[in-house]
Amino acid sequence: MSDPVLPITPIKTSFFRALRMLRQSYRNPLEHGQALRDQFGDVVMQKTGKMTMVHLFGADAHQLCLLNPDQILSNKKAWDLIIGRIFPNGLMLRDGDDHRYHRRLMQAGFKSPVMQQYLSKMLPQIQSSVEHWSPGHDRTLMLAYPKFKQLTLDLAATIFLGMNLGQDAARMNRAFETTVAASMPKIPLPIPGSLLWRGIRAREQMSAYFHAQIPAKRSGGEQDLFALLCRAEDESGSHYTDQEIVDHMIFLMMAAHDTTTSTLTTMMYLLAKHPEWQDRVYDECNPRSAEAVSRDMLSEMVLSEAVMKEALRLYPPLSTLPKFSLKSFEFQGHLIPAGAMVVTYPIHTHYMHEYWEEPEQFNPERFLSTAEVKSRHPYSWVPFSGGAHMCIGLHFAEMQIKLVLRELVLRYRFSVPEGYEMPIQQSPISKPRDGLPIALLRRHYC
C-alpha cells in the first residue's frame, strides 16, 4: 500500500507580513529560502487572502517542476504576472504545444553553421572593445559590470539585430535598458513618469522599429537572428506572424544580454579573488597559438568552462523559478493544490550541503571530475532552467562568454582591492550593487 498523500498546513499571513516576506525574498532569496526550509522543510505553503504560494526546495523539486509531467504547471501564468506587461509572449511565457511550435521555429537561429557565423562577427568586436578597457599600466579601478553590459548590448545589436554600431544602435540599447528596468517595478502602475510607464513607452518604440524592419528582413538574405526568425518556417510552410517576431526579438534581447552580463561579471570577480585560477585560464588560452579561434577551440577550454559553471552555481542569474499549478499534484507525500504560485530556488539548491561539499567555497574542480559530476543529482545545478524550457541560447551564451574571457585574460591581469567582497543583488537578475571595481594591469606581450 502506498503512503497517503497529506495536505499541507499553510502559513497564514496578513497582507503586510506577506509584503515583508516578498521584499525579503527579493532582497536575498538565498537567505529567505534557507530560513523557510530550516523552519518548515522542503514543502512550504503560504496563504494570503485568496493567494496561495508554495515553496519547494531541493533537486527533486527542480526535476518535477522542470520536467512538468502531464503539464501540471504553467510557465505562462506565472511569468505573465511578473513580466507579462513588458515582455508578453516571449518563449519563456508559453506552454505546451504552443511553446514547442515556437521553440522549433526559433532553432533556426541557433544551428551550428549559424553559430559559427555569429562567432566570426563577435570576435573582432570583442577584441576591439576590451582592448580599450585600460590605457596601459594604469591600475585605476574600472567598474566591470557597466563595461560588460555595454559590450553585450552592442553584441546583441550586431548579432541579433544586424545593426551597425552607431546612433540607431545606441537609441535601441537605451530603449531596451528601460524595458528591462521596468520589468519588475516597485510601483506596478503605469502612472505617467513612473518606471513602468517609461518601460511601456520604450517597448512601443522598440516594437515600431522591429515592425518597420520585418519586410526587408524577410525578403533579404541576412544571417542575423532577426532575419532568420523572419524567414523561419516549419515543415508545413507556416511561419511567425509579424507580432510574434517582435515579441520574440524583444524577449531574446533581454534574455541574452542580461544573463550573460551577470555571468561575465561574477566570473571576473571570482578570478580576481582567485589569481591561481586566473593563471590557469590564461595558460589554457595559449597566447602563443596561431590557430584561428573556432568553436572546436572553445570546446577545449575546459578550465574556463569549469570556472563559468562554478560562477553560475554561486551566482545564478535567476535565483528563483516560478510556475503556476494548473492541477493538484503530489510532492514528497504532500498534496500541492491547483491555482498556486509554485516557486523553486536554484540559488538555494546550489548551496545545499546534500549535493555540494563546502558549497560556499569557489572550487571549479567540482566540475572537472567526471565521477563527481556523474554522481551528482542531475537537477542540483540548474542555472539554465531545464526540461522543455531549457535555455535555447545556452550554447550561444557559453560561446560568447568564452570569447570575452579569452580576450580579457590574454590582455590583462585583474584584481580587486584587498579585503573586497562583492555586494550582490540576487533579484531579479544577479549583479553587483557597486558595479564591481576592478584593477586591470596590461600583460607585457600585448
Protein backbone atom coordinates (compact mmCIF):
# COMPACT_ATOMS: atom_id res chain seq x y z
CA MET A 1 0.00 0.00 0.00
CA SER A 2 1.36 3.42 -0.95
CA ASP A 3 1.86 6.15 1.64
CA PRO A 4 -1.04 8.60 2.00
CA VAL A 5 -0.83 11.98 0.31
CA LEU A 6 -1.04 14.64 3.01
CA PRO A 7 -2.41 18.16 2.68
CA ILE A 8 -0.06 20.98 3.64
CA THR A 9 -0.85 23.14 6.64
CA PRO A 10 -0.40 26.64 5.23
CA ILE A 11 1.33 29.57 6.87
CA LYS A 12 -1.42 32.17 7.05
CA THR A 13 -0.04 35.66 6.70
CA SER A 14 -1.54 39.13 6.68
CA PHE A 15 -1.14 41.27 3.60
CA PHE A 16 1.57 43.36 5.26
CA ARG A 17 3.52 40.35 6.54
CA ALA A 18 3.29 38.78 3.08
CA LEU A 19 4.62 42.03 1.61
CA ARG A 20 7.55 41.98 4.05
CA MET A 21 8.32 38.36 3.15
CA LEU A 22 8.14 39.20 -0.56
CA ARG A 23 10.59 42.06 -0.08
CA GLN A 24 12.89 39.78 1.91
CA SER A 25 12.78 37.15 -0.84
CA TYR A 26 13.58 39.85 -3.39
CA ARG A 27 16.50 41.29 -1.40
CA ASN A 28 18.10 37.94 -0.51
CA PRO A 29 16.37 34.85 -1.95
CA LEU A 30 19.18 32.59 -0.68
CA GLU A 31 18.76 33.55 2.96
CA HIS A 32 14.98 33.67 2.56
CA GLY A 33 14.91 30.15 1.12
CA GLN A 34 17.29 28.79 3.74
CA ALA A 35 15.21 30.27 6.55
CA LEU A 36 11.95 28.84 5.16
CA ARG A 37 13.41 25.38 4.64
CA ASP A 38 15.13 25.29 8.05
CA GLN A 39 11.85 26.16 9.77
CA PHE A 40 9.28 24.28 7.69
CA GLY A 41 11.03 21.69 5.50
CA ASP A 42 11.08 21.09 1.73
CA VAL A 43 7.39 21.98 1.19
CA VAL A 44 6.08 25.31 2.44
CA MET A 45 2.66 26.77 1.61
CA GLN A 46 1.83 30.40 2.31
CA LYS A 47 -1.72 31.79 2.09
CA THR A 48 -2.58 35.47 1.98
CA GLY A 49 -6.25 36.08 1.29
CA LYS A 50 -7.09 34.19 -1.90
CA MET A 51 -3.43 33.95 -2.99
CA THR A 52 -1.55 30.70 -2.42
CA MET A 53 2.22 30.39 -2.81
CA VAL A 54 4.07 27.09 -2.48
CA HIS A 55 7.84 26.97 -1.97
CA LEU A 56 9.56 23.71 -2.95
CA PHE A 57 13.20 23.03 -2.09
CA GLY A 58 15.85 20.65 -3.41
CA ALA A 59 16.89 18.99 -6.64
CA ASP A 60 13.85 16.68 -6.70
CA ALA A 61 11.63 19.76 -6.73
CA HIS A 62 13.51 21.14 -9.75
CA GLN A 63 13.23 17.79 -11.51
CA LEU A 64 9.47 17.61 -11.03
CA CYS A 65 8.76 21.24 -11.92
CA LEU A 66 11.09 21.44 -14.91
CA LEU A 67 10.09 18.11 -16.46
CA ASN A 68 6.45 19.05 -15.73
CA PRO A 69 4.73 15.66 -16.20
CA ASP A 70 1.17 15.82 -17.52
CA GLN A 71 1.52 19.62 -17.88
CA ILE A 72 0.62 20.17 -14.24
CA LEU A 73 2.41 23.54 -14.21
CA SER A 74 2.28 26.65 -16.37
CA ASN A 75 5.21 28.91 -17.15
CA LYS A 76 2.93 31.40 -18.87
CA LYS A 77 0.55 32.06 -15.99
CA ALA A 78 3.44 32.62 -13.59
CA TRP A 79 5.66 34.81 -15.76
CA ASP A 80 2.73 36.80 -17.17
CA LEU A 81 2.08 38.04 -13.64
CA ILE A 82 5.74 39.07 -13.25
CA ILE A 83 6.97 40.42 -16.60
CA GLY A 84 4.00 39.97 -18.92
CA ARG A 85 3.29 43.67 -19.42
CA ILE A 86 6.82 44.36 -20.72
CA PHE A 87 7.79 41.03 -22.32
CA PRO A 88 4.49 39.42 -23.41
CA ASN A 89 4.56 36.16 -25.37
CA GLY A 90 8.31 35.57 -25.11
CA LEU A 91 9.40 31.95 -25.41
CA MET A 92 9.56 31.55 -21.61
CA LEU A 93 5.97 32.83 -21.37
CA ARG A 94 4.46 29.99 -23.42
CA ASP A 95 3.25 26.48 -22.58
CA GLY A 96 2.66 23.08 -24.15
CA ASP A 97 2.16 22.71 -27.91
CA ASP A 98 2.32 26.47 -28.41
CA HIS A 99 5.74 26.58 -26.75
CA ARG A 100 7.01 23.58 -28.73
CA TYR A 101 5.92 25.16 -32.04
CA HIS A 102 7.62 28.48 -31.30
CA ARG A 103 10.77 26.84 -29.97
CA ARG A 104 11.07 24.59 -33.04
CA LEU A 105 10.94 27.59 -35.37
CA MET A 106 13.43 29.51 -33.24
CA GLN A 107 16.01 26.73 -33.54
CA ALA A 108 16.82 28.16 -36.98
CA GLY A 109 18.72 30.93 -35.23
CA PHE A 110 20.92 28.57 -33.18
CA LYS A 111 22.05 25.89 -35.64
CA SER A 112 25.75 25.05 -35.88
CA PRO A 113 26.60 26.84 -39.19
CA VAL A 114 24.82 29.98 -37.98
CA MET A 115 26.65 29.82 -34.65
CA GLN A 116 29.99 29.79 -36.48
CA GLN A 117 28.92 32.94 -38.34
CA TYR A 118 28.00 34.56 -35.03
CA LEU A 119 31.46 33.72 -33.70
CA SER A 120 33.18 35.31 -36.71
CA LYS A 121 31.17 38.52 -36.26
CA MET A 122 31.58 38.71 -32.50
CA LEU A 123 35.31 38.11 -32.21
CA PRO A 124 36.65 41.34 -33.80
CA GLN A 125 34.03 43.38 -31.95
CA ILE A 126 35.01 41.83 -28.61
CA GLN A 127 38.71 42.33 -29.33
CA SER A 128 38.20 45.98 -30.23
CA SER A 129 36.12 46.62 -27.14
CA VAL A 130 38.27 45.00 -24.45
CA GLU A 131 41.48 46.40 -26.00
CA HIS A 132 40.43 49.88 -24.85
CA TRP A 133 39.29 48.98 -21.34
CA SER A 134 42.65 50.02 -19.86
CA PRO A 135 45.04 52.70 -21.16
CA GLY A 136 48.13 50.66 -20.31
CA HIS A 137 49.73 50.08 -16.92
CA ASP A 138 47.28 52.34 -15.09
CA ARG A 139 45.80 50.49 -12.10
CA THR A 140 42.89 52.89 -11.69
CA LEU A 141 39.76 50.94 -10.77
CA MET A 142 37.26 50.26 -13.53
CA LEU A 143 33.62 49.31 -12.94
CA ALA A 144 33.31 45.95 -14.67
CA TYR A 145 29.54 45.50 -14.72
CA PRO A 146 28.75 48.58 -16.89
CA LYS A 147 31.54 47.58 -19.28
CA PHE A 148 30.15 44.08 -19.72
CA LYS A 149 26.62 45.42 -20.04
CA GLN A 150 27.58 47.78 -22.85
CA LEU A 151 29.60 45.08 -24.60
CA THR A 152 26.79 42.51 -24.52
CA LEU A 153 24.24 45.08 -25.66
CA ASP A 154 26.46 46.06 -28.59
CA LEU A 155 26.96 42.39 -29.48
CA ALA A 156 23.21 41.79 -29.31
CA ALA A 157 22.62 44.73 -31.67
CA THR A 158 25.13 43.27 -34.13
CA ILE A 159 24.34 39.55 -33.90
CA PHE A 160 20.63 39.58 -33.14
CA LEU A 161 19.51 42.69 -35.00
CA GLY A 162 22.15 43.07 -37.71
CA MET A 163 22.63 46.71 -36.70
CA ASN A 164 25.90 48.56 -37.17
CA LEU A 165 27.11 50.32 -34.06
CA GLY A 166 26.10 53.95 -34.10
CA GLN A 167 23.24 56.24 -33.17
CA ASP A 168 20.48 53.76 -34.10
CA ALA A 169 22.06 51.01 -32.02
CA ALA A 170 22.62 53.42 -29.12
CA ARG A 171 18.95 54.51 -29.19
CA MET A 172 17.80 50.89 -29.36
CA ASN A 173 20.06 49.95 -26.46
CA ARG A 174 18.69 52.80 -24.31
CA ALA A 175 15.10 51.77 -25.08
CA PHE A 176 15.94 48.17 -24.31
CA GLU A 177 17.59 49.02 -20.98
CA THR A 178 14.47 50.95 -19.99
CA THR A 179 12.21 47.96 -20.72
CA VAL A 180 14.42 45.65 -18.64
CA ALA A 181 14.47 48.10 -15.72
CA ALA A 182 10.66 48.32 -15.87
CA SER A 183 10.02 44.57 -15.98
CA MET A 184 9.73 44.29 -12.17
CA PRO A 185 8.84 47.80 -10.91
CA LYS A 186 8.37 48.63 -7.23
CA ILE A 187 5.18 50.53 -8.16
CA PRO A 188 3.29 48.21 -10.58
CA LEU A 189 1.14 51.00 -12.05
CA PRO A 190 1.81 52.79 -15.37
CA ILE A 191 1.49 56.25 -13.84
CA PRO A 192 2.88 58.90 -16.24
CA GLY A 193 6.55 59.39 -15.49
CA SER A 194 6.84 56.14 -13.49
CA LEU A 195 9.34 53.38 -14.31
CA LEU A 196 6.62 51.06 -15.66
CA TRP A 197 5.16 53.87 -17.80
CA ARG A 198 8.62 54.59 -19.28
CA GLY A 199 9.14 50.88 -19.89
CA ILE A 200 5.88 50.50 -21.77
CA ARG A 201 6.73 53.53 -23.93
CA ALA A 202 10.21 52.14 -24.61
CA ARG A 203 8.70 48.81 -25.63
CA GLU A 204 6.37 50.63 -28.04
CA GLN A 205 9.41 52.34 -29.54
CA MET A 206 11.21 49.02 -30.00
CA SER A 207 8.10 47.38 -31.42
CA ALA A 208 7.71 50.13 -34.02
CA TYR A 209 11.34 49.69 -35.07
CA PHE A 210 11.05 45.91 -35.44
CA HIS A 211 7.74 46.06 -37.33
CA ALA A 212 9.22 48.51 -39.84
CA GLN A 213 12.23 46.24 -40.48
CA ILE A 214 10.37 42.95 -40.97
CA PRO A 215 9.60 43.18 -44.74
CA ALA A 216 13.25 43.81 -45.63
CA LYS A 217 14.50 41.15 -43.22
CA ARG A 218 12.04 38.60 -44.58
CA SER A 219 12.94 39.20 -48.25
CA GLY A 220 16.71 39.59 -47.82
CA GLY A 221 19.49 37.10 -47.21
CA GLU A 222 20.94 38.45 -43.95
CA GLN A 223 22.03 35.97 -41.30
CA ASP A 224 21.38 37.90 -38.09
CA LEU A 225 18.89 36.31 -35.69
CA PHE A 226 16.18 38.85 -36.53
CA ALA A 227 16.36 37.96 -40.24
CA LEU A 228 16.46 34.21 -39.53
CA LEU A 229 13.31 34.42 -37.40
CA CYS A 230 11.56 36.46 -40.11
CA ARG A 231 12.24 33.66 -42.62
CA ALA A 232 11.84 30.64 -40.31
CA GLU A 233 9.28 28.05 -41.48
CA ASP A 234 8.11 24.70 -40.20
CA GLU A 235 7.54 21.56 -42.28
CA SER A 236 4.15 22.80 -43.48
CA GLY A 237 5.44 26.23 -44.52
CA SER A 238 3.96 28.06 -41.52
CA HIS A 239 5.96 30.95 -40.11
CA TYR A 240 5.85 33.52 -37.33
CA THR A 241 3.42 36.40 -37.61
CA ASP A 242 4.91 39.90 -37.54
CA GLN A 243 3.78 40.43 -33.95
CA GLU A 244 5.26 37.09 -32.86
CA ILE A 245 8.62 38.10 -34.37
CA VAL A 246 8.53 41.40 -32.48
CA ASP A 247 7.64 39.71 -29.18
CA HIS A 248 10.40 37.12 -29.58
CA MET A 249 13.06 39.64 -30.52
CA ILE A 250 12.39 41.92 -27.55
CA PHE A 251 12.39 38.96 -25.15
CA LEU A 252 15.53 37.40 -26.66
CA MET A 253 17.41 40.67 -26.36
CA MET A 254 16.64 40.71 -22.64
CA ALA A 255 17.34 37.02 -22.03
CA ALA A 256 20.61 37.03 -23.97
CA HIS A 257 22.29 40.14 -22.68
CA ASP A 258 21.26 40.42 -19.03
CA THR A 259 22.15 36.85 -18.04
CA THR A 260 25.44 36.93 -19.96
CA THR A 261 26.40 40.25 -18.35
CA SER A 262 25.68 38.75 -14.94
CA THR A 263 27.79 35.64 -15.61
CA LEU A 264 30.77 37.52 -17.04
CA THR A 265 30.78 39.90 -14.08
CA THR A 266 30.76 37.18 -11.44
CA MET A 267 33.41 35.20 -13.33
CA MET A 268 35.69 38.25 -13.41
CA TYR A 269 35.14 38.80 -9.68
CA LEU A 270 35.90 35.19 -8.77
CA LEU A 271 39.02 35.07 -10.97
CA ALA A 272 40.21 38.36 -9.45
CA LYS A 273 39.75 36.85 -5.97
CA HIS A 274 41.49 33.64 -7.00
CA PRO A 275 44.53 34.59 -9.14
CA GLU A 276 45.74 30.99 -9.28
CA TRP A 277 42.67 30.16 -11.36
CA GLN A 278 43.19 33.27 -13.45
CA ASP A 279 46.67 31.96 -14.30
CA ARG A 280 45.29 28.52 -15.19
CA VAL A 281 42.71 30.05 -17.54
CA TYR A 282 45.43 32.23 -19.11
CA ASP A 283 47.62 29.16 -19.74
CA GLU A 284 44.67 27.31 -21.26
CA CYS A 285 44.02 30.17 -23.69
CA ASN A 286 47.59 29.76 -25.00
CA PRO A 287 48.59 33.20 -26.31
CA ARG A 288 51.33 31.67 -28.46
CA SER A 289 48.90 29.67 -30.56
CA ALA A 290 48.46 30.93 -34.12
CA GLU A 291 45.35 28.82 -34.60
CA ALA A 292 42.24 30.77 -35.57
CA VAL A 293 39.56 30.89 -32.90
CA SER A 294 36.89 28.32 -33.65
CA ARG A 295 34.07 26.58 -31.83
CA ASP A 296 36.30 23.49 -31.58
CA MET A 297 38.99 25.55 -29.85
CA LEU A 298 36.41 26.99 -27.46
CA SER A 299 35.13 23.50 -26.64
CA GLU A 300 38.66 22.61 -25.45
CA MET A 301 38.61 25.44 -22.89
CA VAL A 302 37.54 23.05 -20.12
CA LEU A 303 39.05 25.09 -17.27
CA SER A 304 37.23 28.21 -18.46
CA GLU A 305 34.02 26.20 -18.66
CA ALA A 306 34.50 24.89 -15.11
CA VAL A 307 35.01 28.48 -13.87
CA MET A 308 31.83 29.53 -15.70
CA LYS A 309 29.81 26.68 -14.18
CA GLU A 310 31.09 27.41 -10.68
CA ALA A 311 30.25 31.10 -11.11
CA LEU A 312 26.75 30.11 -12.23
CA ARG A 313 26.43 27.84 -9.20
CA LEU A 314 27.43 30.57 -6.74
CA TYR A 315 25.63 33.39 -8.54
CA PRO A 316 22.85 32.01 -10.78
CA PRO A 317 21.41 34.89 -12.85
CA LEU A 318 17.87 33.75 -11.97
CA SER A 319 17.67 32.88 -8.29
CA THR A 320 14.09 31.56 -8.42
CA LEU A 321 11.93 29.76 -10.98
CA PRO A 322 8.18 30.46 -10.60
CA LYS A 323 5.40 28.36 -12.12
CA PHE A 324 1.62 28.18 -11.67
CA SER A 325 -0.14 24.93 -10.79
CA LEU A 326 -2.88 24.04 -13.26
CA LYS A 327 -3.74 20.81 -11.43
CA SER A 328 -3.15 19.48 -7.95
CA PHE A 329 -0.12 17.19 -7.68
CA GLU A 330 1.92 15.27 -5.12
CA PHE A 331 5.42 16.08 -3.96
CA GLN A 332 7.19 14.21 -1.14
CA GLY A 333 3.90 12.92 0.21
CA HIS A 334 2.20 16.31 0.23
CA LEU A 335 -0.67 17.49 -1.95
CA ILE A 336 0.12 20.71 -3.80
CA PRO A 337 -3.16 22.45 -4.73
CA ALA A 338 -4.17 23.76 -8.14
CA GLY A 339 -4.20 27.52 -8.56
CA ALA A 340 -0.99 28.19 -6.62
CA MET A 341 2.22 30.01 -7.48
CA VAL A 342 4.87 27.29 -7.15
CA VAL A 343 8.43 28.53 -6.67
CA THR A 344 11.69 26.56 -6.75
CA TYR A 345 15.06 28.06 -5.83
CA PRO A 346 18.15 27.32 -7.95
CA ILE A 347 20.26 29.54 -5.69
CA HIS A 348 19.18 27.56 -2.62
CA THR A 349 19.83 24.20 -4.27
CA HIS A 350 23.28 25.37 -5.42
CA TYR A 351 24.24 25.90 -1.76
CA MET A 352 22.79 22.68 -0.30
CA HIS A 353 25.30 20.53 1.58
CA GLU A 354 23.40 17.45 0.41
CA TYR A 355 24.80 17.99 -3.10
CA TRP A 356 27.93 20.11 -2.70
CA GLU A 357 30.99 19.83 -0.50
CA GLU A 358 31.75 23.23 1.07
CA PRO A 359 29.15 24.94 -1.14
CA GLU A 360 30.16 28.47 -0.02
CA GLN A 361 33.66 27.98 -1.45
CA PHE A 362 34.77 28.74 -5.03
CA ASN A 363 36.02 25.42 -6.41
CA PRO A 364 35.78 24.84 -10.19
CA GLU A 365 37.43 21.44 -9.70
CA ARG A 366 34.00 20.09 -8.76
CA PHE A 367 33.04 20.41 -12.46
CA LEU A 368 36.25 18.78 -13.75
CA SER A 369 35.84 15.43 -12.02
CA THR A 370 33.77 13.19 -14.30
CA ALA A 371 32.96 10.83 -11.44
CA GLU A 372 31.79 13.67 -9.21
CA VAL A 373 29.63 15.18 -11.96
CA LYS A 374 28.02 11.80 -12.73
CA SER A 375 27.30 11.05 -9.08
CA ARG A 376 25.58 14.39 -8.51
CA HIS A 377 21.80 14.76 -8.79
CA PRO A 378 21.15 15.94 -12.40
CA TYR A 379 18.94 18.79 -11.13
CA SER A 380 21.28 20.04 -8.40
CA TRP A 381 22.73 22.59 -10.89
CA VAL A 382 20.05 24.42 -12.86
CA PRO A 383 21.21 27.91 -13.93
CA PHE A 384 19.76 27.37 -17.42
CA SER A 385 16.41 26.00 -16.23
CA GLY A 386 15.63 22.58 -17.72
CA GLY A 387 13.17 20.29 -19.44
CA ALA A 388 11.15 21.82 -22.28
CA HIS A 389 12.18 25.30 -21.11
CA MET A 390 15.91 24.67 -21.06
CA CYS A 391 17.54 27.90 -22.26
CA ILE A 392 17.52 27.77 -26.07
CA GLY A 393 20.56 30.06 -26.25
CA LEU A 394 22.79 28.32 -23.70
CA HIS A 395 25.39 27.26 -26.31
CA PHE A 396 25.43 30.76 -27.75
CA ALA A 397 25.89 32.19 -24.25
CA GLU A 398 28.73 29.79 -23.49
CA MET A 399 30.44 30.68 -26.77
CA GLN A 400 30.13 34.41 -26.10
CA ILE A 401 31.35 34.10 -22.51
CA LYS A 402 34.41 32.08 -23.52
CA LEU A 403 35.27 34.52 -26.30
CA VAL A 404 35.11 37.51 -23.94
CA LEU A 405 37.01 35.72 -21.16
CA ARG A 406 39.75 34.63 -23.56
CA GLU A 407 40.33 38.14 -24.86
CA LEU A 408 40.37 39.55 -21.32
CA VAL A 409 42.88 37.13 -19.79
CA LEU A 410 45.19 37.39 -22.79
CA ARG A 411 45.37 41.18 -22.37
CA TYR A 412 45.11 41.80 -18.64
CA ARG A 413 45.67 40.61 -15.14
CA PHE A 414 42.82 41.80 -12.99
CA SER A 415 42.35 42.16 -9.25
CA VAL A 416 40.04 43.64 -6.63
CA PRO A 417 41.08 45.76 -3.62
CA GLU A 418 42.40 43.77 -0.67
CA GLY A 419 39.57 42.50 1.51
CA TYR A 420 36.91 43.41 -1.02
CA GLU A 421 33.73 41.30 -1.06
CA MET A 422 31.28 41.94 -3.89
CA PRO A 423 27.89 43.16 -2.60
CA ILE A 424 25.38 41.20 -4.63
CA GLN A 425 21.83 41.92 -5.72
CA GLN A 426 20.29 38.49 -6.31
CA SER A 427 16.96 39.53 -7.85
CA PRO A 428 15.59 39.95 -10.44
CA ILE A 429 18.97 39.30 -12.14
CA SER A 430 22.15 38.71 -10.14
CA LYS A 431 24.51 41.69 -10.32
CA PRO A 432 26.92 43.67 -8.10
CA ARG A 433 25.38 46.58 -6.23
CA ASP A 434 28.55 48.64 -6.68
CA GLY A 435 29.31 47.80 -10.33
CA LEU A 436 32.36 45.67 -9.31
CA PRO A 437 35.50 47.84 -9.11
CA ILE A 438 38.37 46.04 -10.88
CA ALA A 439 42.03 46.95 -11.36
CA LEU A 440 43.44 45.99 -14.78
CA LEU A 441 47.15 45.53 -15.47
CA ARG A 442 48.09 45.00 -19.09
CA ARG A 443 50.16 41.92 -19.79
CA HIS A 444 53.57 42.65 -21.31
CA TYR A 445 53.12 40.74 -24.54
CA CYS A 446 50.19 42.99 -25.51
